[in-house]
Amino acid sequence: MCRYWLFMAASWAGFASSMVMTLSLLVRMSADSRHVRWSFVVAYSSLVLTFVVSQPRTHLSMDILVWAGVLAFLWLVISVHPEHRTRIVQALCCSHRN
């Protein structure tokens, strides 16, 4: 029962923060603004939490640890200077370039 309520709360939090982020961008708020970046973190970490708690045969404590790890990683990436952020993402995603 606890897993269901966590799923529902994460689902609604992800939905609401996605709407806030989308509306913020539609009214031409800077994509680098703190408001948009935190909406992104809440939306994507909620998406991860929704996914992991929906998986059968997993321990809830492990699901929450995975979510906390994703949340910490996203917080770290959005908290650094934009130039460093680009380098971090390129190193993680594009390191196979010649």
Protein backbone atom coordinates (compact mmCIF):
# COMPACT_ATOMS: atom_id res chain seq x y z
CA MET A 1 0.00 0.00 0.00
CA CYS A 2 2.88 2.40 0.79
CA ARG A 3 4.37 1.70 -2.66
CA TYR A 4 1.08 2.70 -4.30
CA TRP A 5 0.89 6.03 -2.47
CA LEU A 6 4.52 6.78 -3.24
CA PHE A 7 3.83 5.99 -6.90
CA MET A 8 0.82 8.33 -6.93
CA ALA A 9 2.65 11.16 -5.15
CA ALA A 10 5.66 10.90 -7.49
CA SER A 11 3.38 10.76 -10.50
CA TRP A 12 1.50 13.90 -9.50
CA ALA A 13 4.69 15.74 -8.52
CA GLY A 14 6.24 14.88 -11.89
CA PHE A 15 3.13 15.97 -13.75
CA ALA A 16 2.85 19.27 -11.88
CA SER A 17 6.53 20.16 -12.20
CA SER A 18 6.52 19.24 -15.90
CA MET A 19 3.62 21.63 -16.42
CA VAL A 20 5.40 24.39 -14.48
CA MET A 21 8.59 23.88 -16.49
CA THR A 22 6.73 23.83 -19.82
CA LEU A 23 4.71 26.95 -19.00
CA SER A 24 7.83 28.72 -17.77
CA LEU A 25 9.59 28.02 -21.05
CA LEU A 26 6.53 29.02 -23.08
CA VAL A 27 6.48 32.46 -21.43
CA ARG A 28 10.14 32.78 -22.44
CA MET A 29 11.68 32.33 -19.02
CA SER A 30 15.37 31.59 -19.45
CA ALA A 31 16.15 27.88 -19.62
CA ASP A 32 19.07 28.60 -17.30
CA SER A 33 16.88 30.24 -14.65
CA ARG A 34 16.78 28.61 -11.24
CA HIS A 35 12.99 28.20 -11.55
CA VAL A 36 13.22 26.16 -14.76
CA ARG A 37 16.22 24.13 -13.57
CA TRP A 38 14.52 23.09 -10.32
CA SER A 39 11.28 22.27 -12.14
CA PHE A 40 13.40 20.02 -14.34
CA VAL A 41 15.01 18.28 -11.35
CA VAL A 42 11.65 17.64 -9.68
CA ALA A 43 10.06 16.44 -12.94
CA TYR A 44 12.83 14.03 -13.90
CA SER A 45 13.53 12.69 -10.43
CA SER A 46 9.78 12.12 -10.00
CA LEU A 47 9.74 10.26 -13.30
CA VAL A 48 12.54 8.00 -12.03
CA LEU A 49 10.78 7.44 -8.71
CA THR A 50 7.52 6.61 -10.47
CA PHE A 51 9.31 4.07 -12.64
CA VAL A 52 11.34 2.37 -9.92
CA VAL A 53 8.44 1.96 -7.48
CA SER A 54 6.30 0.45 -10.24
CA GLN A 55 8.76 -2.42 -10.72
CA PRO A 56 7.72 -5.68 -9.10
CA ARG A 57 9.99 -7.60 -6.74
CA THR A 58 12.19 -4.69 -5.73
CA HIS A 59 12.79 -3.43 -2.22
CA LEU A 60 11.28 -0.05 -1.52
CA SER A 61 14.42 1.07 0.28
CA MET A 62 16.52 0.33 -2.83
CA ASP A 63 14.01 2.20 -4.99
CA ILE A 64 14.33 5.25 -2.76
CA LEU A 65 18.14 5.00 -2.85
CA VAL A 66 18.09 4.95 -6.67
CA TRP A 67 15.81 7.99 -6.67
CA ALA A 68 18.05 9.82 -4.18
CA GLY A 69 21.10 9.07 -6.34
CA VAL A 70 19.40 10.46 -9.45
CA LEU A 71 18.22 13.49 -7.49
CA ALA A 72 21.75 14.16 -6.21
CA PHE A 73 23.25 13.75 -9.69
CA LEU A 74 20.71 16.13 -11.25
CA TRP A 75 21.24 18.65 -8.45
CA LEU A 76 24.99 18.49 -9.00
CA VAL A 77 24.70 18.98 -12.75
CA ILE A 78 22.35 21.96 -12.55
CA SER A 79 24.27 23.60 -9.72
CA VAL A 80 27.58 23.99 -11.52
CA HIS A 81 28.47 26.86 -13.85
CA PRO A 82 26.89 26.44 -17.32
CA GLU A 83 30.28 26.00 -19.01
CA HIS A 84 31.25 23.25 -16.59
CA ARG A 85 27.79 21.70 -16.94
CA THR A 86 28.34 21.33 -20.68
CA ARG A 87 31.70 19.64 -20.11
CA ILE A 88 30.22 17.23 -17.57
CA VAL A 89 27.39 16.20 -19.87
CA GLN A 90 29.74 15.84 -22.83
CA ALA A 91 32.11 13.69 -20.77
CA LEU A 92 29.26 11.43 -19.66
CA CYS A 93 27.37 11.18 -22.93
CA CYS A 94 29.77 11.99 -25.72
CA SER A 95 33.12 10.64 -24.60
CA HIS A 96 33.30 8.30 -27.60
CA ARG A 97 34.08 11.19 -29.99
CA ASN A 98 37.47 11.21 -31.71
